[in-house]
Amino acid sequence: MGLQLHRRSGAGTARGAAAGKPRRAALAASLGLALLVLTGCSEESQYQLRHLGLPGQATEEAPYIADLWIWAWVAALATGFVVWGLILWVVVRFRRRSADEVPVQTRYNLPLEIFYTIAPVMMVIVFFFHTVSVQNTVLDDSEPDMTLEIVGQQWSWTFNHPTDGVGDTDPETVDEGEYAYVVGTASQLPTLVLPQGETVRFNLHSPDVVHNFWIPGFLMKMDVVPGRTNSFQVTPTELGVFKGKCAELCGTYHSRMLFNVEVVSPEDYDAYVESLVEAGDVSDDGPILGGTEARTSLRNFDDPNGGDE
């Protein structure tokens, strides 16, 4: 007698079709929600998604840092996939097939132990080599076009622009020339104006505690240490406005140590410095380096000159 298959009734088919409709509707809703979320992302957010979280590359030095970041992730993921694949293969290949099975006991495997000792060391050496290469590039100390004196103090920033357009290129000395300055306050964020296409060195000063000068769009930051002048230089390539902040916990109002960065044409930069001079924001005996001249101690939020609370 042959095997006979039962026919599905029309009611069963209808029930299957009805049960599939909610699943299709849920899938369509999920896809629609995903598209809505993606289209709602700003251009900046989409750029960060494509570049593994990097905020931008607005200087000549930034691509070196970006490439190091991205390829480090590629190497880490490649290593991870190899390790995960080996783990999965071992789990499947050498799984217990019966309750009384005892696997072969291996005390050591000399070639394998040599491999997993040498391979990580070689990886660290490669990472170290590329990191040092990028560090040497972004910390290049060749002659800049100009030098700005940057001061981080509790809890804002002071930006000193040399009126001669050059400044002091030696971070170990303090120039006594004329500087136009911008002093941030608790109620008004300072703006650091930079000329496009010119190499600018930042000499970093602090009169109180350790701060950190960070411009995410430049992919570069550095500690601002009392009693020591750190420095680095960048060449802005993109016009526009960027955000800056302190990246070192420096006290009660650390979160207020924000500033803006505006990259303009060299002609507009010269006009900006001249406007500071005309407004009287100028020092004839060197840059303002904080201390008793700092007006950003965040005592009175309504007084731009910082009165005692």
C-alpha atoms as a PDB file:
ATOM      1  CA  MET A   1       0.000   0.000   0.000  1.00  0.00           C
ATOM      2  CA  GLY A   2       1.444   3.325  -1.013  1.00  0.00           C
ATOM      3  CA  LEU A   3       2.036   6.248   1.340  1.00  0.00           C
ATOM      4  CA  GLN A   4      -0.670   8.823   1.022  1.00  0.00           C
ATOM      5  CA  LEU A   5      -0.210  12.470   1.939  1.00  0.00           C
ATOM      6  CA  HIS A   6      -3.038  14.363   3.495  1.00  0.00           C
ATOM      7  CA  ARG A   7      -4.204  17.395   1.635  1.00  0.00           C
ATOM      8  CA  ARG A   8      -4.117  20.665   3.463  1.00  0.00           C
ATOM      9  CA  SER A   9      -7.549  22.000   3.867  1.00  0.00           C
ATOM     10  CA  GLY A  10      -8.431  25.404   2.611  1.00  0.00           C
ATOM     11  CA  ALA A  11      -9.001  26.562   6.162  1.00  0.00           C
ATOM     12  CA  GLY A  12      -5.455  25.536   7.124  1.00  0.00           C
ATOM     13  CA  THR A  13      -4.004  27.424   4.186  1.00  0.00           C
ATOM     14  CA  ALA A  14      -6.014  30.460   5.092  1.00  0.00           C
ATOM     15  CA  ARG A  15      -4.822  30.252   8.697  1.00  0.00           C
ATOM     16  CA  GLY A  16      -1.181  30.041   7.518  1.00  0.00           C
ATOM     17  CA  ALA A  17      -1.600  33.038   5.284  1.00  0.00           C
ATOM     18  CA  ALA A  18      -3.278  34.958   8.079  1.00  0.00           C
ATOM     19  CA  ALA A  19      -0.471  34.073  10.468  1.00  0.00           C
ATOM     20  CA  GLY A  20       2.137  35.297   7.988  1.00  0.00           C
ATOM     21  CA  LYS A  21       0.549  38.725   7.588  1.00  0.00           C
ATOM     22  CA  PRO A  22       1.541  40.016  11.061  1.00  0.00           C
ATOM     23  CA  ARG A  23       5.121  38.852  10.498  1.00  0.00           C
ATOM     24  CA  ARG A  24       5.331  40.656   7.173  1.00  0.00           C
ATOM     25  CA  ALA A  25       3.788  43.747   8.699  1.00  0.00           C
ATOM     26  CA  ALA A  26       6.293  43.675  11.570  1.00  0.00           C
ATOM     27  CA  LEU A  27       9.199  43.266   9.119  1.00  0.00           C
ATOM     28  CA  ALA A  28       7.957  46.150   7.001  1.00  0.00           C
ATOM     29  CA  ALA A  29       7.545  48.330  10.092  1.00  0.00           C
ATOM     30  CA  SER A  30      11.082  47.476  11.256  1.00  0.00           C
ATOM     31  CA  LEU A  31      12.570  48.345   7.884  1.00  0.00           C
ATOM     32  CA  GLY A  32      10.616  51.582   7.773  1.00  0.00           C
ATOM     33  CA  LEU A  33      11.789  52.526  11.267  1.00  0.00           C
ATOM     34  CA  ALA A  34      15.403  51.767  10.353  1.00  0.00           C
ATOM     35  CA  LEU A  35      15.175  53.947   7.241  1.00  0.00           C
ATOM     36  CA  LEU A  36      13.559  56.722   9.275  1.00  0.00           C
ATOM     37  CA  VAL A  37      16.368  56.612  11.851  1.00  0.00           C
ATOM     38  CA  LEU A  38      19.075  56.643   9.168  1.00  0.00           C
ATOM     39  CA  THR A  39      17.532  59.536   7.246  1.00  0.00           C
ATOM     40  CA  GLY A  40      17.158  61.435  10.521  1.00  0.00           C
ATOM     41  CA  CYS A  41      20.916  61.370  11.129  1.00  0.00           C
ATOM     42  CA  SER A  42      22.705  64.635  10.459  1.00  0.00           C
ATOM     43  CA  GLU A  43      25.432  64.842   7.827  1.00  0.00           C
ATOM     44  CA  GLU A  44      28.002  64.911  10.624  1.00  0.00           C
ATOM     45  CA  SER A  45      26.555  61.754  12.196  1.00  0.00           C
ATOM     46  CA  GLN A  46      26.520  59.952   8.851  1.00  0.00           C
ATOM     47  CA  TYR A  47      30.157  60.943   8.307  1.00  0.00           C
ATOM     48  CA  GLN A  48      31.069  59.514  11.721  1.00  0.00           C
ATOM     49  CA  LEU A  49      29.253  56.266  10.951  1.00  0.00           C
ATOM     50  CA  ARG A  50      31.220  55.886   7.710  1.00  0.00           C
ATOM     51  CA  HIS A  51      34.538  56.689   9.422  1.00  0.00           C
ATOM     52  CA  LEU A  52      34.187  54.582  12.592  1.00  0.00           C
ATOM     53  CA  GLY A  53      33.274  57.460  14.892  1.00  0.00           C
ATOM     54  CA  LEU A  54      35.805  60.041  13.680  1.00  0.00           C
ATOM     55  CA  PRO A  55      34.372  63.595  13.793  1.00  0.00           C
ATOM     56  CA  GLY A  56      36.245  65.029  10.772  1.00  0.00           C
ATOM     57  CA  GLN A  57      39.560  65.713   9.093  1.00  0.00           C
ATOM     58  CA  ALA A  58      39.888  69.492   8.911  1.00  0.00           C
ATOM     59  CA  THR A  59      43.704  69.781   8.939  1.00  0.00           C
ATOM     60  CA  GLU A  60      46.612  68.441   6.904  1.00  0.00           C
ATOM     61  CA  GLU A  61      47.680  66.315   9.868  1.00  0.00           C
ATOM     62  CA  ALA A  62      44.265  64.759  10.604  1.00  0.00           C
ATOM     63  CA  PRO A  63      44.274  62.092   7.818  1.00  0.00           C
ATOM     64  CA  TYR A  64      47.369  60.472   9.345  1.00  0.00           C
ATOM     65  CA  ILE A  65      45.563  60.092  12.666  1.00  0.00           C
ATOM     66  CA  ALA A  66      42.396  58.889  10.923  1.00  0.00           C
ATOM     67  CA  ASP A  67      44.269  56.236   8.943  1.00  0.00           C
ATOM     68  CA  LEU A  68      45.976  54.966  12.103  1.00  0.00           C
ATOM     69  CA  TRP A  69      42.627  54.755  13.899  1.00  0.00           C
ATOM     70  CA  ILE A  70      40.797  52.991  11.063  1.00  0.00           C
ATOM     71  CA  TRP A  71      43.520  50.472  10.226  1.00  0.00           C
ATOM     72  CA  ALA A  72      44.019  49.672  13.903  1.00  0.00           C
ATOM     73  CA  TRP A  73      40.338  48.723  14.019  1.00  0.00           C
ATOM     74  CA  VAL A  74      40.678  46.693  10.816  1.00  0.00           C
ATOM     75  CA  ALA A  75      43.619  44.775  12.295  1.00  0.00           C
ATOM     76  CA  ALA A  76      41.770  44.249  15.577  1.00  0.00           C
ATOM     77  CA  LEU A  77      38.653  42.966  13.813  1.00  0.00           C
ATOM     78  CA  ALA A  78      40.693  40.671  11.569  1.00  0.00           C
ATOM     79  CA  THR A  79      42.405  39.230  14.642  1.00  0.00           C
ATOM     80  CA  GLY A  80      39.046  38.878  16.359  1.00  0.00           C
ATOM     81  CA  PHE A  81      37.499  36.987  13.433  1.00  0.00           C
ATOM     82  CA  VAL A  82      40.447  34.580  13.350  1.00  0.00           C
ATOM     83  CA  VAL A  83      40.178  33.944  17.101  1.00  0.00           C
ATOM     84  CA  TRP A  84      36.381  33.581  17.009  1.00  0.00           C
ATOM     85  CA  GLY A  85      36.639  31.228  14.026  1.00  0.00           C
ATOM     86  CA  LEU A  86      39.181  29.027  15.778  1.00  0.00           C
ATOM     87  CA  ILE A  87      37.053  28.929  18.931  1.00  0.00           C
ATOM     88  CA  LEU A  88      33.972  27.924  16.931  1.00  0.00           C
ATOM     89  CA  TRP A  89      35.920  25.290  14.989  1.00  0.00           C
ATOM     90  CA  VAL A  90      37.304  23.742  18.182  1.00  0.00           C
ATOM     91  CA  VAL A  91      33.864  23.728  19.820  1.00  0.00           C
ATOM     92  CA  VAL A  92      32.327  21.900  16.851  1.00  0.00           C
ATOM     93  CA  ARG A  93      35.250  19.658  15.847  1.00  0.00           C
ATOM     94  CA  PHE A  94      36.166  18.410  19.295  1.00  0.00           C
ATOM     95  CA  ARG A  95      32.763  18.327  20.944  1.00  0.00           C
ATOM     96  CA  ARG A  96      31.877  15.300  23.082  1.00  0.00           C
ATOM     97  CA  ARG A  97      29.953  12.768  21.016  1.00  0.00           C
ATOM     98  CA  SER A  98      29.073  10.280  23.761  1.00  0.00           C
ATOM     99  CA  ALA A  99      28.659  10.415  27.528  1.00  0.00           C
ATOM    100  CA  ASP A 100      31.582   8.064  28.232  1.00  0.00           C
ATOM    101  CA  GLU A 101      33.992   9.556  25.709  1.00  0.00           C
ATOM    102  CA  VAL A 102      37.300  10.870  27.103  1.00  0.00           C
ATOM    103  CA  PRO A 103      39.304  13.067  24.709  1.00  0.00           C
ATOM    104  CA  VAL A 104      42.986  12.596  24.127  1.00  0.00           C
ATOM    105  CA  GLN A 105      44.917  14.418  26.829  1.00  0.00           C
ATOM    106  CA  THR A 106      47.590  16.742  25.397  1.00  0.00           C
ATOM    107  CA  ARG A 107      50.041  18.230  27.870  1.00  0.00           C
ATOM    108  CA  TYR A 108      51.638  20.747  25.512  1.00  0.00           C
ATOM    109  CA  ASN A 109      52.065  21.684  21.865  1.00  0.00           C
ATOM    110  CA  LEU A 110      55.408  23.401  21.393  1.00  0.00           C
ATOM    111  CA  PRO A 111      54.863  24.805  17.854  1.00  0.00           C
ATOM    112  CA  LEU A 112      51.486  26.227  18.847  1.00  0.00           C
ATOM    113  CA  GLU A 113      52.866  27.788  22.025  1.00  0.00           C
ATOM    114  CA  ILE A 114      55.719  29.390  20.070  1.00  0.00           C
ATOM    115  CA  PHE A 115      53.215  30.767  17.562  1.00  0.00           C
ATOM    116  CA  TYR A 116      50.846  32.364  20.075  1.00  0.00           C
ATOM    117  CA  THR A 117      53.824  33.884  21.899  1.00  0.00           C
ATOM    118  CA  ILE A 118      55.559  35.359  18.842  1.00  0.00           C
ATOM    119  CA  ALA A 119      52.436  36.482  16.933  1.00  0.00           C
ATOM    120  CA  PRO A 120      51.164  38.949  19.587  1.00  0.00           C
ATOM    121  CA  VAL A 121      54.672  40.376  20.015  1.00  0.00           C
ATOM    122  CA  MET A 122      54.928  40.968  16.266  1.00  0.00           C
ATOM    123  CA  MET A 123      51.501  42.637  16.258  1.00  0.00           C
ATOM    124  CA  VAL A 124      52.548  44.987  19.058  1.00  0.00           C
ATOM    125  CA  ILE A 125      55.751  45.865  17.191  1.00  0.00           C
ATOM    126  CA  VAL A 126      53.790  46.707  14.028  1.00  0.00           C
ATOM    127  CA  PHE A 127      51.292  48.841  15.985  1.00  0.00           C
ATOM    128  CA  PHE A 128      54.148  50.598  17.769  1.00  0.00           C
ATOM    129  CA  PHE A 129      55.964  51.351  14.510  1.00  0.00           C
ATOM    130  CA  HIS A 130      52.934  52.931  12.836  1.00  0.00           C
ATOM    131  CA  THR A 131      51.954  54.841  15.987  1.00  0.00           C
ATOM    132  CA  VAL A 132      55.415  56.371  16.330  1.00  0.00           C
ATOM    133  CA  SER A 133      55.432  57.258  12.615  1.00  0.00           C
ATOM    134  CA  VAL A 134      52.122  59.104  12.908  1.00  0.00           C
ATOM    135  CA  GLN A 135      53.204  60.760  16.150  1.00  0.00           C
ATOM    136  CA  ASN A 136      56.370  62.078  14.510  1.00  0.00           C
ATOM    137  CA  THR A 137      54.276  63.474  11.665  1.00  0.00           C
ATOM    138  CA  VAL A 138      51.643  65.258  13.749  1.00  0.00           C
ATOM    139  CA  LEU A 139      54.209  66.560  16.257  1.00  0.00           C
ATOM    140  CA  ASP A 140      56.445  67.983  13.559  1.00  0.00           C
ATOM    141  CA  ASP A 141      58.352  70.952  15.005  1.00  0.00           C
ATOM    142  CA  SER A 142      59.373  72.613  11.746  1.00  0.00           C
ATOM    143  CA  GLU A 143      59.052  76.394  11.500  1.00  0.00           C
ATOM    144  CA  PRO A 144      55.327  77.386  11.598  1.00  0.00           C
ATOM    145  CA  ASP A 145      53.787  80.417   9.923  1.00  0.00           C
ATOM    146  CA  MET A 146      52.664  81.768  13.283  1.00  0.00           C
ATOM    147  CA  THR A 147      52.492  80.823  16.952  1.00  0.00           C
ATOM    148  CA  LEU A 148      49.512  81.400  19.236  1.00  0.00           C
ATOM    149  CA  GLU A 149      49.710  81.344  23.017  1.00  0.00           C
ATOM    150  CA  ILE A 150      46.808  79.318  24.422  1.00  0.00           C
ATOM    151  CA  VAL A 151      45.937  79.486  28.122  1.00  0.00           C
ATOM    152  CA  GLY A 152      43.619  77.074  29.902  1.00  0.00           C
ATOM    153  CA  GLN A 153      42.509  78.229  33.323  1.00  0.00           C
ATOM    154  CA  GLN A 154      39.668  77.342  35.664  1.00  0.00           C
ATOM    155  CA  TRP A 155      37.313  77.419  33.857  1.00  0.00           C
ATOM    156  CA  SER A 156      37.714  78.864  30.383  1.00  0.00           C
ATOM    157  CA  TRP A 157      40.323  79.783  27.784  1.00  0.00           C
ATOM    158  CA  THR A 158      42.452  82.735  26.729  1.00  0.00           C
ATOM    159  CA  PHE A 159      43.710  82.993  23.133  1.00  0.00           C
ATOM    160  CA  ASN A 160      46.663  85.291  22.371  1.00  0.00           C
ATOM    161  CA  HIS A 161      47.274  86.325  18.757  1.00  0.00           C
ATOM    162  CA  PRO A 162      50.611  88.005  17.858  1.00  0.00           C
ATOM    163  CA  THR A 163      49.912  91.259  16.086  1.00  0.00           C
ATOM    164  CA  ASP A 164      53.039  90.820  13.953  1.00  0.00           C
ATOM    165  CA  GLY A 165      51.529  87.641  12.515  1.00  0.00           C
ATOM    166  CA  VAL A 166      54.444  85.469  13.650  1.00  0.00           C
ATOM    167  CA  GLY A 167      54.845  85.250  17.427  1.00  0.00           C
ATOM    168  CA  ASP A 168      57.492  83.391  19.392  1.00  0.00           C
ATOM    169  CA  THR A 169      58.394  80.030  17.866  1.00  0.00           C
ATOM    170  CA  ASP A 170      60.381  78.917  20.926  1.00  0.00           C
ATOM    171  CA  PRO A 171      58.018  77.308  23.476  1.00  0.00           C
ATOM    172  CA  GLU A 172      60.656  77.652  26.221  1.00  0.00           C
ATOM    173  CA  THR A 173      60.556  81.449  26.110  1.00  0.00           C
ATOM    174  CA  VAL A 174      57.782  84.019  26.443  1.00  0.00           C
ATOM    175  CA  ASP A 175      57.640  86.666  23.763  1.00  0.00           C
ATOM    176  CA  GLU A 176      57.302  90.221  25.072  1.00  0.00           C
ATOM    177  CA  GLY A 177      55.822  91.588  21.875  1.00  0.00           C
ATOM    178  CA  GLU A 178      52.316  92.845  21.237  1.00  0.00           C
ATOM    179  CA  TYR A 179      49.424  90.385  21.398  1.00  0.00           C
ATOM    180  CA  ALA A 180      45.716  90.735  20.744  1.00  0.00           C
ATOM    181  CA  TYR A 181      43.737  88.467  22.992  1.00  0.00           C
ATOM    182  CA  VAL A 182      40.331  86.894  23.583  1.00  0.00           C
ATOM    183  CA  VAL A 183      39.377  85.939  27.144  1.00  0.00           C
ATOM    184  CA  GLY A 184      36.519  83.535  27.718  1.00  0.00           C
ATOM    185  CA  THR A 185      34.070  83.950  30.575  1.00  0.00           C
ATOM    186  CA  ALA A 186      31.496  81.801  32.289  1.00  0.00           C
ATOM    187  CA  SER A 187      28.707  83.394  30.270  1.00  0.00           C
ATOM    188  CA  GLN A 188      30.456  83.747  26.908  1.00  0.00           C
ATOM    189  CA  LEU A 189      32.437  81.054  25.099  1.00  0.00           C
ATOM    190  CA  PRO A 190      35.646  82.333  23.497  1.00  0.00           C
ATOM    191  CA  THR A 191      36.276  81.810  19.793  1.00  0.00           C
ATOM    192  CA  LEU A 192      39.662  80.799  18.434  1.00  0.00           C
ATOM    193  CA  VAL A 193      40.033  82.215  14.917  1.00  0.00           C
ATOM    194  CA  LEU A 194      42.576  80.542  12.620  1.00  0.00           C
ATOM    195  CA  PRO A 195      43.723  81.268   9.068  1.00  0.00           C
ATOM    196  CA  GLN A 196      43.112  78.611   6.444  1.00  0.00           C
ATOM    197  CA  GLY A 197      46.168  77.067   4.804  1.00  0.00           C
ATOM    198  CA  GLU A 198      48.714  78.440   7.285  1.00  0.00           C
ATOM    199  CA  THR A 199      50.625  76.327   9.791  1.00  0.00           C
ATOM    200  CA  VAL A 200      49.749  77.457  13.306  1.00  0.00           C
ATOM    201  CA  ARG A 201      51.596  76.346  16.414  1.00  0.00           C
ATOM    202  CA  PHE A 202      49.784  76.285  19.761  1.00  0.00           C
ATOM    203  CA  ASN A 203      51.905  76.927  22.848  1.00  0.00           C
ATOM    204  CA  LEU A 204      49.819  75.644  25.770  1.00  0.00           C
ATOM    205  CA  HIS A 205      49.955  77.268  29.224  1.00  0.00           C
ATOM    206  CA  SER A 206      48.115  76.742  32.511  1.00  0.00           C
ATOM    207  CA  PRO A 207      48.345  78.874  35.679  1.00  0.00           C
ATOM    208  CA  ASP A 208      46.454  76.433  37.922  1.00  0.00           C
ATOM    209  CA  VAL A 209      45.747  72.731  37.169  1.00  0.00           C
ATOM    210  CA  VAL A 210      46.133  70.294  34.306  1.00  0.00           C
ATOM    211  CA  HIS A 211      43.741  70.919  31.399  1.00  0.00           C
ATOM    212  CA  ASN A 212      43.569  69.421  27.926  1.00  0.00           C
ATOM    213  CA  PHE A 213      43.240  71.396  24.685  1.00  0.00           C
ATOM    214  CA  TRP A 214      41.050  69.399  22.308  1.00  0.00           C
ATOM    215  CA  ILE A 215      39.526  70.231  18.925  1.00  0.00           C
ATOM    216  CA  PRO A 216      37.690  67.053  17.817  1.00  0.00           C
ATOM    217  CA  GLY A 217      37.431  68.227  14.206  1.00  0.00           C
ATOM    218  CA  PHE A 218      41.244  68.383  14.068  1.00  0.00           C
ATOM    219  CA  LEU A 219      41.617  64.869  15.602  1.00  0.00           C
ATOM    220  CA  MET A 220      44.262  66.222  17.958  1.00  0.00           C
ATOM    221  CA  LYS A 221      44.501  67.113  21.628  1.00  0.00           C
ATOM    222  CA  MET A 222      47.251  67.722  24.168  1.00  0.00           C
ATOM    223  CA  ASP A 223      47.582  68.232  27.921  1.00  0.00           C
ATOM    224  CA  VAL A 224      48.003  71.756  29.273  1.00  0.00           C
ATOM    225  CA  VAL A 225      50.337  71.344  32.240  1.00  0.00           C
ATOM    226  CA  PRO A 226      51.229  74.037  34.836  1.00  0.00           C
ATOM    227  CA  GLY A 227      54.913  74.948  34.736  1.00  0.00           C
ATOM    228  CA  ARG A 228      55.451  73.283  31.367  1.00  0.00           C
ATOM    229  CA  THR A 229      54.746  74.555  27.854  1.00  0.00           C
ATOM    230  CA  ASN A 230      53.487  71.800  25.563  1.00  0.00           C
ATOM    231  CA  SER A 231      53.004  72.582  21.896  1.00  0.00           C
ATOM    232  CA  PHE A 232      51.758  71.171  18.613  1.00  0.00           C
ATOM    233  CA  GLN A 233      50.889  72.654  15.265  1.00  0.00           C
ATOM    234  CA  VAL A 234      48.194  72.205  12.634  1.00  0.00           C
ATOM    235  CA  THR A 235      47.446  73.472   9.158  1.00  0.00           C
ATOM    236  CA  PRO A 236      43.673  74.032   8.807  1.00  0.00           C
ATOM    237  CA  THR A 237      42.331  73.064   5.392  1.00  0.00           C
ATOM    238  CA  GLU A 238      38.571  73.589   5.755  1.00  0.00           C
ATOM    239  CA  LEU A 239      36.692  76.815   6.311  1.00  0.00           C
ATOM    240  CA  GLY A 240      34.011  76.617   8.963  1.00  0.00           C
ATOM    241  CA  VAL A 241      33.201  76.520  12.656  1.00  0.00           C
ATOM    242  CA  PHE A 242      34.342  73.683  14.920  1.00  0.00           C
ATOM    243  CA  LYS A 243      33.905  72.839  18.579  1.00  0.00           C
ATOM    244  CA  GLY A 244      36.638  72.721  21.202  1.00  0.00           C
ATOM    245  CA  LYS A 245      36.708  71.618  24.820  1.00  0.00           C
ATOM    246  CA  CYS A 246      38.837  70.654  27.776  1.00  0.00           C
ATOM    247  CA  ALA A 247      39.351  66.873  27.842  1.00  0.00           C
ATOM    248  CA  GLU A 248      40.863  66.666  31.333  1.00  0.00           C
ATOM    249  CA  LEU A 249      38.789  66.700  34.520  1.00  0.00           C
ATOM    250  CA  CYS A 250      39.987  69.985  36.012  1.00  0.00           C
ATOM    251  CA  GLY A 251      37.561  70.860  38.778  1.00  0.00           C
ATOM    252  CA  THR A 252      33.988  71.755  39.578  1.00  0.00           C
ATOM    253  CA  TYR A 253      33.126  73.541  36.332  1.00  0.00           C
ATOM    254  CA  HIS A 254      35.200  71.417  33.970  1.00  0.00           C
ATOM    255  CA  SER A 255      32.146  70.893  31.751  1.00  0.00           C
ATOM    256  CA  ARG A 256      32.030  74.652  31.052  1.00  0.00           C
ATOM    257  CA  MET A 257      35.506  74.770  29.511  1.00  0.00           C
ATOM    258  CA  LEU A 258      34.169  74.961  25.966  1.00  0.00           C
ATOM    259  CA  PHE A 259      35.215  77.124  23.051  1.00  0.00           C
ATOM    260  CA  ASN A 260      34.563  77.577  19.348  1.00  0.00           C
ATOM    261  CA  VAL A 261      37.077  77.418  16.526  1.00  0.00           C
ATOM    262  CA  GLU A 262      36.503  79.385  13.332  1.00  0.00           C
ATOM    263  CA  VAL A 263      38.723  78.841  10.302  1.00  0.00           C
ATOM    264  CA  VAL A 264      38.678  81.833   7.957  1.00  0.00           C
ATOM    265  CA  SER A 265      40.692  83.111   5.024  1.00  0.00           C
ATOM    266  CA  PRO A 266      44.086  84.729   5.812  1.00  0.00           C
ATOM    267  CA  GLU A 267      42.664  88.138   4.868  1.00  0.00           C
ATOM    268  CA  ASP A 268      39.733  87.738   7.242  1.00  0.00           C
ATOM    269  CA  TYR A 269      42.098  86.547   9.967  1.00  0.00           C
ATOM    270  CA  ASP A 270      44.246  89.679   9.649  1.00  0.00           C
ATOM    271  CA  ALA A 271      41.110  91.813   9.802  1.00  0.00           C
ATOM    272  CA  TYR A 272      39.956  89.931  12.911  1.00  0.00           C
ATOM    273  CA  VAL A 273      43.234  90.539  14.771  1.00  0.00           C
ATOM    274  CA  GLU A 274      43.079  94.200  13.779  1.00  0.00           C
ATOM    275  CA  SER A 275      39.533  94.433  15.183  1.00  0.00           C
ATOM    276  CA  LEU A 276      40.771  93.099  18.527  1.00  0.00           C
ATOM    277  CA  VAL A 277      43.482  95.753  18.596  1.00  0.00           C
ATOM    278  CA  GLU A 278      40.984  98.498  17.776  1.00  0.00           C
ATOM    279  CA  ALA A 279      38.699  97.240  20.548  1.00  0.00           C
ATOM    280  CA  GLY A 280      41.542  97.611  23.063  1.00  0.00           C
ATOM    281  CA  ASP A 281      41.991  93.872  23.644  1.00  0.00           C
ATOM    282  CA  VAL A 282      45.748  94.089  23.270  1.00  0.00           C
ATOM    283  CA  SER A 283      48.769  93.567  25.507  1.00  0.00           C
ATOM    284  CA  ASP A 284      51.986  95.472  24.808  1.00  0.00           C
ATOM    285  CA  ASP A 285      54.278  93.346  26.994  1.00  0.00           C
ATOM    286  CA  GLY A 286      53.612  89.774  25.910  1.00  0.00           C
ATOM    287  CA  PRO A 287      50.668  87.376  25.984  1.00  0.00           C
ATOM    288  CA  ILE A 288      48.192  87.147  28.832  1.00  0.00           C
ATOM    289  CA  LEU A 289      49.028  83.874  30.542  1.00  0.00           C
ATOM    290  CA  GLY A 290      46.341  83.683  33.220  1.00  0.00           C
ATOM    291  CA  GLY A 291      47.059  83.913  36.927  1.00  0.00           C
ATOM    292  CA  THR A 292      46.079  87.338  38.230  1.00  0.00           C
ATOM    293  CA  GLU A 293      45.018  88.374  34.705  1.00  0.00           C
ATOM    294  CA  ALA A 294      42.532  85.512  34.312  1.00  0.00           C
ATOM    295  CA  ARG A 295      38.909  86.586  34.405  1.00  0.00           C
ATOM    296  CA  THR A 296      37.388  83.156  34.036  1.00  0.00           C
ATOM    297  CA  SER A 297      37.283  81.844  37.620  1.00  0.00           C
ATOM    298  CA  LEU A 298      33.524  81.308  37.269  1.00  0.00           C
ATOM    299  CA  ARG A 299      32.515  83.127  40.423  1.00  0.00           C
ATOM    300  CA  ASN A 300      29.729  85.360  39.215  1.00  0.00           C
ATOM    301  CA  PHE A 301      27.857  83.979  36.217  1.00  0.00           C
ATOM    302  CA  ASP A 302      26.285  87.355  35.379  1.00  0.00           C
ATOM    303  CA  ASP A 303      29.485  89.395  35.524  1.00  0.00           C
ATOM    304  CA  PRO A 304      31.612  88.996  32.354  1.00  0.00           C
ATOM    305  CA  ASN A 305      34.600  90.313  34.293  1.00  0.00           C
ATOM    306  CA  GLY A 306      34.226  87.682  36.998  1.00  0.00           C
ATOM    307  CA  GLY A 307      33.380  89.333  40.322  1.00  0.00           C
ATOM    308  CA  ASP A 308      33.470  87.499  43.644  1.00  0.00           C
ATOM    309  CA  GLU A 309      30.378  85.563  44.427  1.00  0.00           C
END
